[in-house]
């Protein structure tokens, strides 16, 4: 497997909230995704990890909102409703279980 240059990969992102698949790690997929604006509130049957590569984001959880800056990450536990948002273009690396499904609310 060739090495992955994150800066080069970011140039391939076409539009917000459309993940760019980077690599599979075991039964998890690793994506880069641009966040700009708000995504729908949803939950998953598996854990999901967000790592901010560029910019700042907020993740609205059931009981609090977490603000993440570059080089900060957050684990969202399975079954926890969450909504990600960013006022300015941000890029996040996401680790999700392969075949992840979402339930919106």
C-alpha atoms as a PDB file:
ATOM      1  CA  UNK A   1       0.000   0.000   0.000  1.00  0.00           C
ATOM      2  CA  UNK A   2       1.470   3.371  -0.946  1.00  0.00           C
ATOM      3  CA  UNK A   3       1.702   6.098   1.670  1.00  0.00           C
ATOM      4  CA  UNK A   4      -1.139   8.597   1.919  1.00  0.00           C
ATOM      5  CA  UNK A   5      -0.458  12.325   1.662  1.00  0.00           C
ATOM      6  CA  UNK A   6      -3.324  14.005   3.533  1.00  0.00           C
ATOM      7  CA  UNK A   7      -2.736  17.417   1.898  1.00  0.00           C
ATOM      8  CA  UNK A   8      -2.962  15.851  -1.571  1.00  0.00           C
ATOM      9  CA  UNK A   9      -6.019  13.823  -0.569  1.00  0.00           C
ATOM     10  CA  UNK A  10      -7.798  16.988   0.651  1.00  0.00           C
ATOM     11  CA  UNK A  11      -7.543  18.408  -2.887  1.00  0.00           C
ATOM     12  CA  UNK A  12      -9.671  15.476  -4.135  1.00  0.00           C
ATOM     13  CA  UNK A  13     -12.655  16.285  -1.930  1.00  0.00           C
ATOM     14  CA  UNK A  14     -15.439  17.444  -4.234  1.00  0.00           C
ATOM     15  CA  UNK A  15     -18.023  18.958  -1.875  1.00  0.00           C
ATOM     16  CA  UNK A  16     -19.079  19.066   1.799  1.00  0.00           C
ATOM     17  CA  UNK A  17     -20.345  15.915   3.499  1.00  0.00           C
ATOM     18  CA  UNK A  18     -19.227  13.579   0.686  1.00  0.00           C
ATOM     19  CA  UNK A  19     -16.517  11.400   2.277  1.00  0.00           C
ATOM     20  CA  UNK A  20     -13.350  10.571   0.365  1.00  0.00           C
ATOM     21  CA  UNK A  21     -12.328   6.987   1.151  1.00  0.00           C
ATOM     22  CA  UNK A  22      -8.655   6.780   2.149  1.00  0.00           C
ATOM     23  CA  UNK A  23      -8.042   3.243   3.382  1.00  0.00           C
ATOM     24  CA  UNK A  24      -9.554   0.315   5.271  1.00  0.00           C
ATOM     25  CA  UNK A  25      -8.138  -0.653   8.661  1.00  0.00           C
ATOM     26  CA  UNK A  26      -9.475  -4.047   9.644  1.00  0.00           C
ATOM     27  CA  UNK A  27     -13.239  -3.727   9.461  1.00  0.00           C
ATOM     28  CA  UNK A  28     -13.131   0.084   9.687  1.00  0.00           C
ATOM     29  CA  UNK A  29     -13.096   2.606   6.841  1.00  0.00           C
ATOM     30  CA  UNK A  30     -11.031   5.779   7.087  1.00  0.00           C
ATOM     31  CA  UNK A  31     -12.375   8.839   5.270  1.00  0.00           C
ATOM     32  CA  UNK A  32     -11.580  12.500   4.779  1.00  0.00           C
ATOM     33  CA  UNK A  33     -14.642  14.691   4.686  1.00  0.00           C
ATOM     34  CA  UNK A  34     -15.162  18.406   4.295  1.00  0.00           C
ATOM     35  CA  UNK A  35     -17.577  19.927   6.785  1.00  0.00           C
ATOM     36  CA  UNK A  36     -19.264  23.224   5.990  1.00  0.00           C
ATOM     37  CA  UNK A  37     -22.636  24.005   7.502  1.00  0.00           C
ATOM     38  CA  UNK A  38     -24.629  21.387   9.419  1.00  0.00           C
ATOM     39  CA  UNK A  39     -25.229  17.681   8.907  1.00  0.00           C
ATOM     40  CA  UNK A  40     -28.435  15.937   9.982  1.00  0.00           C
ATOM     41  CA  UNK A  41     -28.731  14.653  13.547  1.00  0.00           C
ATOM     42  CA  UNK A  42     -28.233  10.870  13.460  1.00  0.00           C
ATOM     43  CA  UNK A  43     -26.815   7.837  15.236  1.00  0.00           C
ATOM     44  CA  UNK A  44     -25.011   4.626  14.309  1.00  0.00           C
ATOM     45  CA  UNK A  45     -24.952   1.076  15.699  1.00  0.00           C
ATOM     46  CA  UNK A  46     -21.137   1.352  16.005  1.00  0.00           C
ATOM     47  CA  UNK A  47     -18.609   3.832  17.415  1.00  0.00           C
ATOM     48  CA  UNK A  48     -17.335   6.630  15.158  1.00  0.00           C
ATOM     49  CA  UNK A  49     -14.160   8.704  15.596  1.00  0.00           C
ATOM     50  CA  UNK A  50     -13.667  12.268  14.307  1.00  0.00           C
ATOM     51  CA  UNK A  51     -10.186  13.840  13.983  1.00  0.00           C
ATOM     52  CA  UNK A  52      -9.903  17.456  12.803  1.00  0.00           C
ATOM     53  CA  UNK A  53      -7.209  17.834  10.146  1.00  0.00           C
ATOM     54  CA  UNK A  54      -8.023  21.437   9.188  1.00  0.00           C
ATOM     55  CA  UNK A  55     -10.308  24.068  10.723  1.00  0.00           C
ATOM     56  CA  UNK A  56     -12.697  23.832  13.661  1.00  0.00           C
ATOM     57  CA  UNK A  57     -15.932  21.902  14.098  1.00  0.00           C
ATOM     58  CA  UNK A  58     -18.650  21.346  16.638  1.00  0.00           C
ATOM     59  CA  UNK A  59     -20.281  18.022  17.371  1.00  0.00           C
ATOM     60  CA  UNK A  60     -23.658  18.352  19.012  1.00  0.00           C
ATOM     61  CA  UNK A  61     -24.353  15.364  21.253  1.00  0.00           C
ATOM     62  CA  UNK A  62     -27.441  14.539  23.329  1.00  0.00           C
ATOM     63  CA  UNK A  63     -26.269  16.348  26.455  1.00  0.00           C
ATOM     64  CA  UNK A  64     -23.486  18.689  25.311  1.00  0.00           C
ATOM     65  CA  UNK A  65     -21.689  20.210  22.366  1.00  0.00           C
ATOM     66  CA  UNK A  66     -17.989  19.523  21.863  1.00  0.00           C
ATOM     67  CA  UNK A  67     -15.812  22.047  20.012  1.00  0.00           C
ATOM     68  CA  UNK A  68     -12.818  20.529  18.229  1.00  0.00           C
ATOM     69  CA  UNK A  69      -9.831  22.376  16.808  1.00  0.00           C
ATOM     70  CA  UNK A  70      -7.106  21.105  14.496  1.00  0.00           C
ATOM     71  CA  UNK A  71      -5.374  18.004  15.841  1.00  0.00           C
ATOM     72  CA  UNK A  72      -8.210  17.217  18.258  1.00  0.00           C
ATOM     73  CA  UNK A  73     -10.475  14.201  18.065  1.00  0.00           C
ATOM     74  CA  UNK A  74     -13.669  12.847  19.567  1.00  0.00           C
ATOM     75  CA  UNK A  75     -15.123   9.374  19.898  1.00  0.00           C
ATOM     76  CA  UNK A  76     -18.898   9.236  19.449  1.00  0.00           C
ATOM     77  CA  UNK A  77     -20.177   6.062  21.061  1.00  0.00           C
ATOM     78  CA  UNK A  78     -22.606   3.775  19.266  1.00  0.00           C
ATOM     79  CA  UNK A  79     -26.252   4.725  19.661  1.00  0.00           C
ATOM     80  CA  UNK A  80     -25.469   8.343  20.581  1.00  0.00           C
ATOM     81  CA  UNK A  81     -27.266  10.930  18.464  1.00  0.00           C
ATOM     82  CA  UNK A  82     -24.884  13.528  17.069  1.00  0.00           C
ATOM     83  CA  UNK A  83     -24.710  16.316  14.526  1.00  0.00           C
ATOM     84  CA  UNK A  84     -21.505  17.809  13.133  1.00  0.00           C
ATOM     85  CA  UNK A  85     -21.244  21.402  11.978  1.00  0.00           C
ATOM     86  CA  UNK A  86     -18.692  23.971  10.949  1.00  0.00           C
ATOM     87  CA  UNK A  87     -19.033  27.681  10.159  1.00  0.00           C
ATOM     88  CA  UNK A  88     -15.969  27.620   7.883  1.00  0.00           C
ATOM     89  CA  UNK A  89     -14.549  24.906   5.624  1.00  0.00           C
ATOM     90  CA  UNK A  90     -13.009  22.219   7.809  1.00  0.00           C
ATOM     91  CA  UNK A  91     -11.577  18.817   6.957  1.00  0.00           C
ATOM     92  CA  UNK A  92     -12.076  15.853   9.256  1.00  0.00           C
ATOM     93  CA  UNK A  93     -10.665  12.335   9.195  1.00  0.00           C
ATOM     94  CA  UNK A  94     -13.388   9.886  10.181  1.00  0.00           C
ATOM     95  CA  UNK A  95     -13.064   6.272  11.265  1.00  0.00           C
ATOM     96  CA  UNK A  96     -16.281   4.301  10.724  1.00  0.00           C
ATOM     97  CA  UNK A  97     -17.230   0.637  10.839  1.00  0.00           C
ATOM     98  CA  UNK A  98     -17.514  -0.781   7.313  1.00  0.00           C
ATOM     99  CA  UNK A  99     -21.140  -0.914   6.174  1.00  0.00           C
ATOM    100  CA  UNK A 100     -22.139   1.721   8.721  1.00  0.00           C
ATOM    101  CA  UNK A 101     -25.811   2.655   8.603  1.00  0.00           C
ATOM    102  CA  UNK A 102     -27.371   5.827   9.971  1.00  0.00           C
ATOM    103  CA  UNK A 103     -30.623   6.491  11.739  1.00  0.00           C
ATOM    104  CA  UNK A 104     -31.836  10.083  11.484  1.00  0.00           C
ATOM    105  CA  UNK A 105     -33.909  11.954  14.022  1.00  0.00           C
END
